[in-house]
């Protein structure tokens, strides 16, 4: 406590001003016994030594240096795009609109199914894969290419879109000659935009076949 510290400081000042000879003379005058006087002198000396050590420790100036604060840990791993999952509306630039259901099948993988229209089963079902920041979804279909007269040609359809903006394009490649085009002909890119309408499972009534 503060009061006790001041009292001990006063005792140290008085003891420090005296000498062992003065302590011996005072003890002999008071007790008249050499052995008792010697014990008093030793006790006073130990008290002075212990008090001086405690005082010097408490009066030491605080260090001006302090440990630098540790910086918060940071991660060097780049943040990747979110998995492609949930229910999406896919709107094409020609006005067509379809609905997709996507479910993660692992990092950079999604099972994608398109909702059927009317009684016609959907042929757009498969797995999409992410390469860097681009998703790619390739499906082999008997109706990949539709001719002006309504005839269809087998081939592959490929959707690619940006993992962040969800904007992309569709191209189809026909497997056989048809529509006055040779096998291997690739259609012009058809732009589209994906919009997630739900992060969960598809609504009741969602069917692909």
N, C-alpha and C. Protein backbone atom coordinates (compact mmCIF):
# COMPACT_ATOMS: atom_id res chain seq x y z
N UNK A 1 0.84 -1.20 0.00
CA UNK A 1 0.00 0.00 0.00
C UNK A 1 0.87 1.24 0.00
N UNK A 2 0.31 2.40 -0.40
CA UNK A 2 1.10 3.61 -0.55
C UNK A 2 1.66 4.08 0.78
N UNK A 3 0.88 4.04 1.87
CA UNK A 3 1.36 4.52 3.16
C UNK A 3 2.51 3.70 3.69
N UNK A 4 2.42 2.36 3.53
CA UNK A 4 3.50 1.49 4.01
C UNK A 4 4.78 1.76 3.25
N UNK A 5 4.71 2.01 1.97
CA UNK A 5 5.92 2.28 1.19
C UNK A 5 6.62 3.53 1.68
N UNK A 6 5.91 4.57 2.04
CA UNK A 6 6.53 5.81 2.51
C UNK A 6 7.23 5.57 3.84
N UNK A 7 6.63 4.77 4.73
CA UNK A 7 7.25 4.50 6.03
C UNK A 7 8.55 3.72 5.84
N UNK A 8 8.53 2.70 4.97
CA UNK A 8 9.76 1.93 4.77
C UNK A 8 10.84 2.80 4.14
N UNK A 9 10.49 3.72 3.30
CA UNK A 9 11.48 4.62 2.70
C UNK A 9 12.13 5.49 3.75
N UNK A 10 11.40 5.96 4.77
CA UNK A 10 11.97 6.77 5.83
C UNK A 10 12.94 5.98 6.67
N UNK A 11 12.63 4.70 6.94
CA UNK A 11 13.53 3.86 7.73
C UNK A 11 14.85 3.63 6.99
N UNK A 12 14.79 3.45 5.72
CA UNK A 12 16.01 3.23 4.94
C UNK A 12 16.89 4.46 4.99
N UNK A 13 16.34 5.64 4.94
CA UNK A 13 17.13 6.87 4.98
C UNK A 13 17.86 7.00 6.30
N UNK A 14 17.18 6.66 7.41
CA UNK A 14 17.82 6.76 8.73
C UNK A 14 18.93 5.72 8.87
N UNK A 15 18.69 4.48 8.45
CA UNK A 15 19.69 3.43 8.57
C UNK A 15 20.90 3.73 7.70
N UNK A 16 20.63 4.28 6.51
CA UNK A 16 21.74 4.57 5.61
C UNK A 16 22.63 5.65 6.15
N UNK A 17 22.11 6.58 6.97
CA UNK A 17 22.93 7.66 7.50
C UNK A 17 23.83 7.18 8.64
N UNK A 18 23.45 6.08 9.31
CA UNK A 18 24.25 5.56 10.43
C UNK A 18 25.34 4.63 9.91
N UNK A 19 26.26 4.22 10.85
CA UNK A 19 27.33 3.29 10.50
C UNK A 19 27.25 2.09 11.43
N UNK A 20 27.83 0.96 11.05
CA UNK A 20 27.81 -0.20 11.95
C UNK A 20 28.39 0.10 13.33
N UNK A 21 29.41 0.96 13.41
CA UNK A 21 29.99 1.31 14.72
C UNK A 21 28.96 2.04 15.58
N UNK A 22 28.19 2.95 14.93
CA UNK A 22 27.18 3.67 15.68
C UNK A 22 26.10 2.71 16.17
N UNK A 23 25.73 1.71 15.31
CA UNK A 23 24.72 0.72 15.72
C UNK A 23 25.22 -0.08 16.93
N UNK A 24 26.54 -0.46 16.91
CA UNK A 24 27.13 -1.24 18.01
C UNK A 24 27.12 -0.43 19.30
N UNK A 25 27.52 0.82 19.21
CA UNK A 25 27.57 1.66 20.41
C UNK A 25 26.17 1.83 21.00
N UNK A 26 25.17 2.03 20.09
CA UNK A 26 23.81 2.21 20.58
C UNK A 26 23.27 0.96 21.21
N UNK A 27 23.56 -0.21 20.59
CA UNK A 27 23.08 -1.47 21.14
C UNK A 27 23.73 -1.79 22.46
N UNK A 28 25.05 -1.54 22.63
CA UNK A 28 25.74 -1.80 23.91
C UNK A 28 25.20 -0.88 24.99
N UNK A 29 24.92 0.38 24.61
CA UNK A 29 24.42 1.32 25.62
C UNK A 29 23.03 0.90 26.10
N UNK A 30 22.23 0.30 25.18
CA UNK A 30 20.87 -0.06 25.55
C UNK A 30 20.79 -1.40 26.24
N UNK A 31 21.58 -2.41 25.74
CA UNK A 31 21.42 -3.76 26.28
C UNK A 31 22.58 -4.19 27.19
N UNK A 32 23.78 -3.63 27.01
CA UNK A 32 24.93 -3.96 27.85
C UNK A 32 25.43 -5.37 27.67
N UNK A 33 25.03 -6.05 26.62
CA UNK A 33 25.44 -7.43 26.39
C UNK A 33 26.04 -7.51 25.00
N UNK A 34 27.37 -7.90 24.90
CA UNK A 34 28.03 -7.92 23.58
C UNK A 34 27.34 -8.84 22.58
N UNK A 35 26.91 -10.02 23.04
CA UNK A 35 26.27 -10.96 22.10
C UNK A 35 24.92 -10.43 21.61
N UNK A 36 24.17 -9.85 22.52
CA UNK A 36 22.88 -9.28 22.13
C UNK A 36 23.08 -8.08 21.20
N UNK A 37 24.09 -7.27 21.52
CA UNK A 37 24.38 -6.12 20.68
C UNK A 37 24.78 -6.54 19.27
N UNK A 38 25.58 -7.63 19.18
CA UNK A 38 26.00 -8.14 17.87
C UNK A 38 24.80 -8.60 17.05
N UNK A 39 23.86 -9.26 17.72
CA UNK A 39 22.65 -9.71 17.02
C UNK A 39 21.84 -8.54 16.50
N UNK A 40 21.77 -7.47 17.29
CA UNK A 40 21.03 -6.29 16.85
C UNK A 40 21.69 -5.67 15.62
N UNK A 41 23.03 -5.56 15.65
CA UNK A 41 23.77 -4.98 14.52
C UNK A 41 23.55 -5.80 13.25
N UNK A 42 23.62 -7.14 13.36
CA UNK A 42 23.42 -8.01 12.19
C UNK A 42 22.01 -7.85 11.64
N UNK A 43 21.05 -7.80 12.56
CA UNK A 43 19.67 -7.63 12.12
C UNK A 43 19.44 -6.32 11.40
N UNK A 44 20.05 -5.23 11.95
CA UNK A 44 19.90 -3.93 11.29
C UNK A 44 20.56 -3.93 9.91
N UNK A 45 21.72 -4.60 9.81
CA UNK A 45 22.42 -4.65 8.53
C UNK A 45 21.60 -5.40 7.48
N UNK A 46 21.01 -6.54 7.89
CA UNK A 46 20.19 -7.31 6.95
C UNK A 46 18.95 -6.53 6.54
N UNK A 47 18.34 -5.81 7.48
CA UNK A 47 17.17 -5.00 7.17
C UNK A 47 17.52 -3.90 6.17
N UNK A 48 18.67 -3.25 6.39
CA UNK A 48 19.09 -2.18 5.48
C UNK A 48 19.36 -2.71 4.08
N UNK A 49 20.02 -3.91 4.01
CA UNK A 49 20.35 -4.49 2.72
C UNK A 49 19.10 -4.89 1.95
N UNK A 50 18.18 -5.58 2.65
CA UNK A 50 16.95 -6.02 1.98
C UNK A 50 16.09 -4.86 1.54
N UNK A 51 15.98 -3.84 2.36
CA UNK A 51 15.15 -2.69 2.01
C UNK A 51 15.74 -1.93 0.84
N UNK A 52 17.08 -1.79 0.84
CA UNK A 52 17.74 -1.07 -0.25
C UNK A 52 17.54 -1.79 -1.58
N UNK A 53 17.60 -3.13 -1.56
CA UNK A 53 17.41 -3.90 -2.79
C UNK A 53 15.99 -3.75 -3.31
N UNK A 54 15.03 -3.81 -2.38
CA UNK A 54 13.63 -3.65 -2.80
C UNK A 54 13.37 -2.27 -3.34
N UNK A 55 14.01 -1.25 -2.72
CA UNK A 55 13.78 0.12 -3.18
C UNK A 55 14.37 0.35 -4.56
N UNK A 56 15.58 -0.19 -4.78
CA UNK A 56 16.23 0.03 -6.08
C UNK A 56 15.45 -0.66 -7.18
N UNK A 57 14.84 -1.84 -6.85
CA UNK A 57 14.07 -2.55 -7.87
C UNK A 57 12.81 -1.80 -8.25
N UNK A 58 12.14 -1.22 -7.22
CA UNK A 58 10.88 -0.54 -7.49
C UNK A 58 11.10 0.82 -8.13
N UNK A 59 12.28 1.44 -7.89
CA UNK A 59 12.52 2.77 -8.43
C UNK A 59 13.14 2.74 -9.82
N UNK A 60 13.42 1.53 -10.34
CA UNK A 60 14.08 1.45 -11.65
C UNK A 60 13.19 2.05 -12.71
N UNK A 61 13.80 2.80 -13.60
CA UNK A 61 13.03 3.47 -14.66
C UNK A 61 12.51 2.43 -15.64
N UNK A 62 11.27 2.56 -16.06
CA UNK A 62 10.72 1.60 -17.01
C UNK A 62 11.45 1.67 -18.35
N UNK A 63 11.55 0.51 -19.01
CA UNK A 63 12.23 0.47 -20.29
C UNK A 63 11.43 1.23 -21.33
N UNK A 64 12.17 1.98 -22.16
CA UNK A 64 11.50 2.77 -23.19
C UNK A 64 11.18 1.94 -24.42
N UNK A 65 11.76 0.73 -24.49
CA UNK A 65 11.50 -0.11 -25.65
C UNK A 65 10.41 -1.09 -25.30
N UNK A 66 9.57 -1.40 -26.25
CA UNK A 66 8.51 -2.37 -26.06
C UNK A 66 8.41 -3.23 -27.30
N UNK A 67 7.89 -4.45 -27.11
CA UNK A 67 7.78 -5.35 -28.25
C UNK A 67 6.80 -4.82 -29.26
N UNK A 68 7.17 -4.93 -30.52
CA UNK A 68 6.28 -4.45 -31.57
C UNK A 68 5.05 -5.34 -31.64
N UNK A 69 3.86 -4.78 -31.84
CA UNK A 69 2.66 -5.61 -31.91
C UNK A 69 2.73 -6.56 -33.09
N UNK A 70 2.26 -7.79 -32.87
CA UNK A 70 2.29 -8.80 -33.91
C UNK A 70 1.20 -8.52 -34.93
N UNK A 71 1.56 -8.63 -36.18
CA UNK A 71 0.57 -8.39 -37.24
C UNK A 71 -0.38 -9.55 -37.32
N UNK A 72 -1.62 -9.29 -37.67
CA UNK A 72 -2.61 -10.34 -37.81
C UNK A 72 -2.22 -11.25 -38.96
N UNK A 73 -2.42 -12.59 -38.78
CA UNK A 73 -2.03 -13.53 -39.83
C UNK A 73 -2.87 -13.29 -41.09
N UNK A 74 -2.22 -13.41 -42.22
CA UNK A 74 -2.92 -13.25 -43.49
C UNK A 74 -2.72 -14.50 -44.34
N UNK A 75 -3.66 -14.73 -45.22
CA UNK A 75 -3.58 -15.88 -46.10
C UNK A 75 -3.13 -15.44 -47.49
N UNK A 76 -2.21 -16.20 -48.07
CA UNK A 76 -1.73 -15.87 -49.41
C UNK A 76 -2.52 -16.58 -50.48
N UNK A 77 -3.46 -17.45 -50.06
CA UNK A 77 -4.23 -18.20 -51.04
C UNK A 77 -5.28 -17.30 -51.68
N UNK A 78 -5.33 -17.25 -53.01
CA UNK A 78 -6.34 -16.40 -53.67
C UNK A 78 -7.74 -16.94 -53.46
N UNK A 79 -8.69 -16.04 -53.35
CA UNK A 79 -10.08 -16.45 -53.19
C UNK A 79 -10.62 -16.93 -54.52
N UNK A 80 -11.23 -18.12 -54.51
CA UNK A 80 -11.76 -18.68 -55.73
C UNK A 80 -13.24 -18.38 -55.88
N UNK A 81 -13.80 -18.55 -57.09
CA UNK A 81 -15.21 -18.29 -57.30
C UNK A 81 -16.07 -19.32 -56.57
N UNK A 82 -17.27 -18.94 -56.26
CA UNK A 82 -18.17 -19.84 -55.55
C UNK A 82 -18.57 -21.00 -56.47
N UNK A 83 -18.93 -22.12 -55.86
CA UNK A 83 -19.39 -23.25 -56.66
C UNK A 83 -20.67 -22.88 -57.39
N UNK A 84 -20.87 -23.50 -58.52
CA UNK A 84 -22.06 -23.24 -59.32
C UNK A 84 -23.15 -24.19 -58.84
N UNK A 85 -24.07 -23.69 -58.05
CA UNK A 85 -25.15 -24.52 -57.51
C UNK A 85 -26.38 -23.68 -57.27
N UNK A 86 -27.54 -24.34 -57.30
CA UNK A 86 -28.81 -23.65 -57.09
C UNK A 86 -29.67 -23.71 -58.35
N UNK A 87 -30.66 -22.82 -58.41
CA UNK A 87 -31.55 -22.74 -59.56
C UNK A 87 -31.24 -21.44 -60.31
N UNK A 88 -31.10 -21.54 -61.62
CA UNK A 88 -30.72 -20.38 -62.45
C UNK A 88 -31.70 -20.17 -63.60
N UNK A 89 -31.93 -18.92 -63.91
CA UNK A 89 -32.63 -18.56 -65.15
C UNK A 89 -31.56 -18.22 -66.16
N UNK A 90 -31.64 -18.83 -67.34
CA UNK A 90 -30.69 -18.53 -68.39
C UNK A 90 -31.45 -17.82 -69.51
N UNK A 91 -31.09 -16.57 -69.73
CA UNK A 91 -31.78 -15.72 -70.71
C UNK A 91 -30.85 -15.46 -71.89
N UNK A 92 -31.28 -15.86 -73.09
CA UNK A 92 -30.47 -15.69 -74.30
C UNK A 92 -30.80 -14.35 -74.97
N UNK A 93 -29.86 -13.89 -75.76
CA UNK A 93 -30.05 -12.60 -76.43
C UNK A 93 -31.15 -12.63 -77.48
N UNK A 94 -31.55 -13.82 -77.93
CA UNK A 94 -32.64 -13.90 -78.92
C UNK A 94 -34.01 -13.93 -78.25
N UNK A 95 -34.03 -13.82 -76.91
CA UNK A 95 -35.30 -13.77 -76.18
C UNK A 95 -35.69 -15.06 -75.51
N UNK A 96 -35.08 -16.17 -75.84
CA UNK A 96 -35.42 -17.46 -75.21
C UNK A 96 -34.96 -17.47 -73.75
N UNK A 97 -35.76 -18.12 -72.93
CA UNK A 97 -35.43 -18.22 -71.50
C UNK A 97 -35.66 -19.67 -71.05
N UNK A 98 -34.67 -20.24 -70.35
CA UNK A 98 -34.78 -21.59 -69.80
C UNK A 98 -34.41 -21.57 -68.32
N UNK A 99 -34.64 -22.70 -67.66
CA UNK A 99 -34.32 -22.82 -66.23
C UNK A 99 -33.38 -23.99 -66.02
N UNK A 100 -32.30 -23.73 -65.30
CA UNK A 100 -31.33 -24.76 -64.97
C UNK A 100 -31.34 -25.03 -63.47
N UNK A 101 -31.07 -26.29 -63.15
CA UNK A 101 -30.81 -26.68 -61.77
C UNK A 101 -29.39 -27.20 -61.71
N UNK A 102 -28.60 -26.69 -60.78
CA UNK A 102 -27.19 -27.08 -60.68
C UNK A 102 -26.88 -27.56 -59.27
N UNK A 103 -26.09 -28.60 -59.19
CA UNK A 103 -25.69 -29.17 -57.90
C UNK A 103 -24.20 -29.48 -57.95
N UNK A 104 -23.47 -29.04 -56.93
CA UNK A 104 -22.02 -29.26 -56.91
C UNK A 104 -21.70 -30.75 -56.89
N UNK A 105 -20.71 -31.13 -57.70
CA UNK A 105 -20.21 -32.51 -57.69
C UNK A 105 -18.72 -32.52 -57.33
N UNK A 106 -18.31 -31.47 -56.62
CA UNK A 106 -16.92 -31.36 -56.19
C UNK A 106 -16.37 -30.00 -56.59
N UNK A 107 -15.15 -29.70 -56.17
CA UNK A 107 -14.54 -28.41 -56.55
C UNK A 107 -14.46 -28.25 -58.06
N UNK A 108 -15.02 -27.15 -58.58
CA UNK A 108 -14.97 -26.90 -60.01
C UNK A 108 -15.82 -27.84 -60.84
N UNK A 109 -16.85 -28.43 -60.23
CA UNK A 109 -17.70 -29.38 -60.95
C UNK A 109 -19.15 -29.15 -60.53
N UNK A 110 -20.08 -29.23 -61.49
CA UNK A 110 -21.50 -29.06 -61.19
C UNK A 110 -22.33 -29.94 -62.11
N UNK A 111 -23.30 -30.65 -61.53
CA UNK A 111 -24.27 -31.39 -62.32
C UNK A 111 -25.37 -30.41 -62.73
N UNK A 112 -25.58 -30.27 -64.04
CA UNK A 112 -26.54 -29.29 -64.55
C UNK A 112 -27.66 -30.01 -65.29
N UNK A 113 -28.90 -29.60 -65.01
CA UNK A 113 -30.07 -30.15 -65.69
C UNK A 113 -31.00 -29.01 -66.07
N UNK A 114 -31.51 -29.07 -67.31
CA UNK A 114 -32.45 -28.04 -67.76
C UNK A 114 -33.87 -28.56 -67.63
N UNK A 115 -34.75 -27.71 -67.15
CA UNK A 115 -36.15 -28.08 -66.99
C UNK A 115 -36.79 -28.31 -68.35
N UNK A 116 -37.56 -29.39 -68.43
CA UNK A 116 -38.23 -29.71 -69.68
C UNK A 116 -39.35 -28.71 -69.95
N UNK A 117 -39.65 -28.52 -71.23
CA UNK A 117 -40.71 -27.61 -71.64
C UNK A 117 -41.88 -28.44 -72.17
N UNK A 118 -43.02 -28.31 -71.54
CA UNK A 118 -44.18 -29.10 -71.95
C UNK A 118 -43.93 -30.58 -71.72
N UNK A 119 -44.17 -31.38 -72.74
CA UNK A 119 -44.00 -32.83 -72.64
C UNK A 119 -42.71 -33.30 -73.31
N UNK A 120 -41.91 -32.35 -73.76
CA UNK A 120 -40.68 -32.71 -74.46
C UNK A 120 -39.52 -32.82 -73.46
N UNK A 121 -38.94 -34.02 -73.30
CA UNK A 121 -37.82 -34.17 -72.36
C UNK A 121 -36.64 -33.29 -72.75
N UNK A 122 -35.92 -32.81 -71.76
CA UNK A 122 -34.77 -31.96 -72.02
C UNK A 122 -33.57 -32.81 -72.42
N UNK A 123 -32.83 -32.33 -73.40
CA UNK A 123 -31.60 -33.00 -73.80
C UNK A 123 -30.37 -32.29 -73.22
N UNK A 124 -30.62 -31.29 -72.39
CA UNK A 124 -29.51 -30.50 -71.83
C UNK A 124 -29.30 -30.93 -70.39
N UNK A 125 -28.50 -31.96 -70.24
CA UNK A 125 -28.18 -32.51 -68.93
C UNK A 125 -26.74 -33.01 -68.96
N UNK A 126 -25.98 -32.72 -67.93
CA UNK A 126 -24.59 -33.18 -67.89
C UNK A 126 -23.81 -32.47 -66.81
N UNK A 127 -22.50 -32.47 -66.96
CA UNK A 127 -21.62 -31.86 -65.97
C UNK A 127 -20.90 -30.65 -66.55
N UNK A 128 -20.89 -29.59 -65.76
CA UNK A 128 -20.11 -28.39 -66.12
C UNK A 128 -18.83 -28.41 -65.31
N UNK A 129 -17.77 -27.89 -65.91
CA UNK A 129 -16.47 -27.86 -65.23
C UNK A 129 -15.87 -26.46 -65.34
N UNK A 130 -15.22 -26.06 -64.26
CA UNK A 130 -14.59 -24.73 -64.23
C UNK A 130 -13.11 -24.86 -64.55
N UNK A 131 -12.66 -24.03 -65.48
CA UNK A 131 -11.25 -23.95 -65.84
C UNK A 131 -10.81 -22.52 -65.57
N UNK A 132 -10.09 -22.31 -64.48
CA UNK A 132 -9.73 -20.96 -64.07
C UNK A 132 -10.97 -20.22 -63.62
N UNK A 133 -11.29 -19.12 -64.29
CA UNK A 133 -12.47 -18.33 -63.96
C UNK A 133 -13.59 -18.53 -64.97
N UNK A 134 -13.51 -19.60 -65.76
CA UNK A 134 -14.51 -19.86 -66.79
C UNK A 134 -15.14 -21.23 -66.60
N UNK A 135 -16.47 -21.25 -66.60
CA UNK A 135 -17.19 -22.51 -66.57
C UNK A 135 -17.47 -22.95 -68.01
N UNK A 136 -17.44 -24.28 -68.23
CA UNK A 136 -17.74 -24.83 -69.54
C UNK A 136 -18.64 -26.05 -69.38
N UNK A 137 -19.71 -26.06 -70.18
CA UNK A 137 -20.72 -27.11 -70.10
C UNK A 137 -20.95 -27.62 -71.51
N UNK A 138 -20.52 -28.86 -71.79
CA UNK A 138 -20.61 -29.43 -73.13
C UNK A 138 -21.53 -30.65 -73.11
N UNK A 139 -22.49 -30.66 -74.02
CA UNK A 139 -23.48 -31.75 -74.05
C UNK A 139 -23.63 -32.25 -75.49
N UNK A 140 -23.63 -33.57 -75.64
CA UNK A 140 -23.93 -34.18 -76.94
C UNK A 140 -25.44 -34.34 -77.07
N UNK A 141 -26.00 -33.83 -78.17
CA UNK A 141 -27.46 -33.81 -78.32
C UNK A 141 -27.86 -34.19 -79.74
N UNK A 142 -29.04 -34.83 -79.85
CA UNK A 142 -29.53 -35.15 -81.19
C UNK A 142 -30.10 -33.90 -81.85
N UNK A 143 -30.39 -32.86 -81.06
CA UNK A 143 -30.96 -31.64 -81.61
C UNK A 143 -30.04 -30.44 -81.36
N UNK A 144 -28.74 -30.68 -81.46
CA UNK A 144 -27.77 -29.62 -81.20
C UNK A 144 -27.94 -28.47 -82.19
N UNK A 145 -28.24 -28.79 -83.42
CA UNK A 145 -28.43 -27.77 -84.45
C UNK A 145 -29.83 -27.92 -85.03
N UNK A 146 -30.54 -26.81 -85.10
CA UNK A 146 -31.90 -26.80 -85.65
C UNK A 146 -31.89 -26.02 -86.96
N UNK A 147 -32.33 -26.66 -88.00
CA UNK A 147 -32.36 -26.02 -89.32
C UNK A 147 -33.55 -25.06 -89.42
N UNK A 148 -33.54 -24.24 -90.45
CA UNK A 148 -34.62 -23.28 -90.66
C UNK A 148 -35.96 -23.97 -90.87
N UNK A 149 -35.93 -25.18 -91.42
CA UNK A 149 -37.18 -25.91 -91.67
C UNK A 149 -37.61 -26.74 -90.47
N UNK A 150 -36.87 -26.63 -89.34
CA UNK A 150 -37.24 -27.36 -88.13
C UNK A 150 -36.52 -28.68 -87.96
N UNK A 151 -35.80 -29.12 -88.97
CA UNK A 151 -35.05 -30.37 -88.87
C UNK A 151 -33.89 -30.19 -87.88
N UNK A 152 -33.51 -31.28 -87.25
CA UNK A 152 -32.43 -31.22 -86.25
C UNK A 152 -31.26 -32.10 -86.69
N UNK A 153 -30.08 -31.75 -86.22
CA UNK A 153 -28.86 -32.48 -86.55
C UNK A 153 -28.11 -32.78 -85.26
N UNK A 154 -27.61 -34.01 -85.18
CA UNK A 154 -26.81 -34.40 -84.02
C UNK A 154 -25.56 -33.54 -83.94
N UNK A 155 -25.10 -33.32 -82.74
CA UNK A 155 -23.87 -32.56 -82.54
C UNK A 155 -23.62 -32.29 -81.07
N UNK A 156 -22.80 -31.31 -80.81
CA UNK A 156 -22.49 -30.93 -79.43
C UNK A 156 -22.81 -29.45 -79.23
N UNK A 157 -23.29 -29.14 -78.03
CA UNK A 157 -23.55 -27.75 -77.65
C UNK A 157 -22.63 -27.41 -76.49
N UNK A 158 -22.02 -26.23 -76.56
CA UNK A 158 -21.06 -25.83 -75.53
C UNK A 158 -21.45 -24.46 -74.98
N UNK A 159 -21.70 -24.42 -73.68
CA UNK A 159 -21.97 -23.17 -72.98
C UNK A 159 -20.71 -22.78 -72.19
N UNK A 160 -20.26 -21.61 -72.33
CA UNK A 160 -19.14 -21.11 -71.51
C UNK A 160 -19.58 -19.79 -70.89
N UNK A 161 -19.20 -19.60 -69.60
CA UNK A 161 -19.57 -18.35 -68.93
C UNK A 161 -18.56 -17.99 -67.85
N UNK A 162 -18.51 -16.70 -67.58
CA UNK A 162 -17.59 -16.18 -66.57
C UNK A 162 -18.10 -16.56 -65.18
N UNK A 163 -17.19 -17.05 -64.34
CA UNK A 163 -17.59 -17.52 -63.01
C UNK A 163 -18.06 -16.39 -62.11
N UNK A 164 -17.66 -15.17 -62.40
CA UNK A 164 -18.05 -14.03 -61.57
C UNK A 164 -19.28 -13.31 -62.10
N UNK A 165 -19.27 -12.97 -63.39
CA UNK A 165 -20.38 -12.19 -63.96
C UNK A 165 -21.55 -13.08 -64.39
N UNK A 166 -21.31 -14.37 -64.59
CA UNK A 166 -22.31 -15.33 -65.08
C UNK A 166 -22.82 -14.96 -66.48
N UNK A 167 -21.99 -14.28 -67.25
CA UNK A 167 -22.32 -13.95 -68.63
C UNK A 167 -21.47 -14.83 -69.55
N UNK A 168 -22.10 -15.31 -70.63
CA UNK A 168 -21.35 -16.19 -71.51
C UNK A 168 -21.99 -16.32 -72.87
N UNK A 169 -21.65 -17.40 -73.56
CA UNK A 169 -22.17 -17.63 -74.91
C UNK A 169 -22.32 -19.11 -75.17
N UNK A 170 -23.18 -19.41 -76.14
CA UNK A 170 -23.46 -20.80 -76.55
C UNK A 170 -23.08 -20.97 -78.01
N UNK A 171 -22.39 -22.07 -78.32
CA UNK A 171 -22.12 -22.45 -79.71
C UNK A 171 -22.44 -23.94 -79.86
N UNK A 172 -22.87 -24.33 -81.05
CA UNK A 172 -23.17 -25.73 -81.33
C UNK A 172 -22.42 -26.16 -82.58
N UNK A 173 -21.96 -27.39 -82.57
CA UNK A 173 -21.22 -27.94 -83.71
C UNK A 173 -21.95 -29.17 -84.22
N UNK A 174 -22.30 -29.18 -85.51
CA UNK A 174 -23.05 -30.32 -86.05
C UNK A 174 -22.13 -31.46 -86.43
N UNK A 175 -22.65 -32.68 -86.21
CA UNK A 175 -21.84 -33.87 -86.46
C UNK A 175 -21.91 -34.32 -87.92
N UNK A 176 -23.05 -34.06 -88.56
CA UNK A 176 -23.25 -34.52 -89.94
C UNK A 176 -23.57 -33.33 -90.84
N UNK A 177 -23.49 -33.59 -92.14
CA UNK A 177 -23.91 -32.58 -93.10
C UNK A 177 -25.41 -32.33 -92.92
N UNK A 178 -25.80 -31.09 -93.10
CA UNK A 178 -27.22 -30.77 -92.99
C UNK A 178 -27.41 -29.28 -92.92
N UNK A 179 -28.65 -28.85 -93.13
CA UNK A 179 -28.96 -27.43 -93.09
C UNK A 179 -28.08 -26.67 -94.09
N UNK A 180 -27.74 -27.36 -95.19
CA UNK A 180 -26.86 -26.77 -96.20
C UNK A 180 -25.49 -26.41 -95.62
N UNK A 181 -25.11 -27.13 -94.58
CA UNK A 181 -23.80 -26.90 -93.95
C UNK A 181 -23.08 -28.24 -93.83
N UNK A 182 -21.74 -28.22 -93.91
CA UNK A 182 -20.99 -29.47 -93.79
C UNK A 182 -20.86 -29.92 -92.32
N UNK A 183 -20.49 -31.16 -92.14
CA UNK A 183 -20.22 -31.66 -90.79
C UNK A 183 -19.07 -30.88 -90.18
N UNK A 184 -19.19 -30.58 -88.93
CA UNK A 184 -18.18 -29.81 -88.24
C UNK A 184 -18.47 -28.32 -88.23
N UNK A 185 -19.55 -27.91 -88.89
CA UNK A 185 -19.90 -26.49 -88.91
C UNK A 185 -20.29 -26.04 -87.49
N UNK A 186 -19.81 -24.87 -87.13
CA UNK A 186 -20.10 -24.31 -85.81
C UNK A 186 -21.00 -23.09 -85.94
N UNK A 187 -22.05 -23.06 -85.18
CA UNK A 187 -22.98 -21.94 -85.24
C UNK A 187 -22.36 -20.68 -84.64
N UNK A 188 -22.96 -19.56 -84.95
CA UNK A 188 -22.51 -18.31 -84.35
C UNK A 188 -22.74 -18.33 -82.84
N UNK A 189 -21.95 -17.56 -82.12
CA UNK A 189 -22.11 -17.51 -80.66
C UNK A 189 -23.41 -16.80 -80.31
N UNK A 190 -24.12 -17.40 -79.37
CA UNK A 190 -25.37 -16.82 -78.88
C UNK A 190 -25.14 -16.41 -77.41
N UNK A 191 -25.18 -15.12 -77.15
CA UNK A 191 -24.89 -14.62 -75.80
C UNK A 191 -26.04 -14.93 -74.85
N UNK A 192 -25.69 -15.10 -73.59
CA UNK A 192 -26.71 -15.34 -72.57
C UNK A 192 -26.23 -14.81 -71.22
N UNK A 193 -27.16 -14.68 -70.30
CA UNK A 193 -26.85 -14.28 -68.92
C UNK A 193 -27.56 -15.22 -67.97
N UNK A 194 -26.81 -15.70 -66.98
CA UNK A 194 -27.38 -16.57 -65.94
C UNK A 194 -27.73 -15.72 -64.72
N UNK A 195 -28.87 -15.98 -64.13
CA UNK A 195 -29.28 -15.30 -62.90
C UNK A 195 -29.75 -16.36 -61.90
N UNK A 196 -29.11 -16.39 -60.74
CA UNK A 196 -29.52 -17.39 -59.75
C UNK A 196 -30.79 -16.92 -59.05
N UNK A 197 -31.81 -17.76 -59.10
CA UNK A 197 -33.08 -17.43 -58.47
C UNK A 197 -33.27 -18.11 -57.13
N UNK A 198 -32.47 -19.14 -56.87
CA UNK A 198 -32.54 -19.85 -55.59
C UNK A 198 -31.22 -20.55 -55.34
N UNK A 199 -30.82 -20.58 -54.07
CA UNK A 199 -29.57 -21.26 -53.72
C UNK A 199 -29.81 -22.70 -53.29
N UNK A 200 -31.08 -23.10 -53.23
CA UNK A 200 -31.41 -24.44 -52.77
C UNK A 200 -31.79 -25.38 -53.90
N UNK A 201 -32.58 -26.39 -53.55
CA UNK A 201 -33.02 -27.39 -54.52
C UNK A 201 -34.07 -26.78 -55.44
N UNK A 202 -34.27 -27.38 -56.62
CA UNK A 202 -35.28 -26.85 -57.55
C UNK A 202 -36.68 -26.97 -56.94
N UNK A 203 -37.61 -26.15 -57.36
CA UNK A 203 -38.96 -26.15 -56.80
C UNK A 203 -39.71 -27.42 -57.18
N UNK A 204 -40.78 -27.74 -56.46
CA UNK A 204 -41.60 -28.91 -56.83
C UNK A 204 -42.13 -28.74 -58.26
N UNK A 205 -42.14 -29.84 -58.98
CA UNK A 205 -42.60 -29.78 -60.35
C UNK A 205 -41.49 -29.62 -61.36
N UNK A 206 -40.26 -29.39 -60.88
CA UNK A 206 -39.12 -29.26 -61.80
C UNK A 206 -38.80 -30.63 -62.36
N UNK A 207 -38.92 -30.77 -63.68
CA UNK A 207 -38.67 -32.06 -64.33
C UNK A 207 -37.76 -31.86 -65.52
N UNK A 208 -36.95 -32.88 -65.76
CA UNK A 208 -36.08 -32.86 -66.95
C UNK A 208 -36.51 -33.89 -67.99
N UNK A 209 -37.37 -34.81 -67.57
CA UNK A 209 -37.82 -35.85 -68.51
C UNK A 209 -39.17 -36.39 -68.08
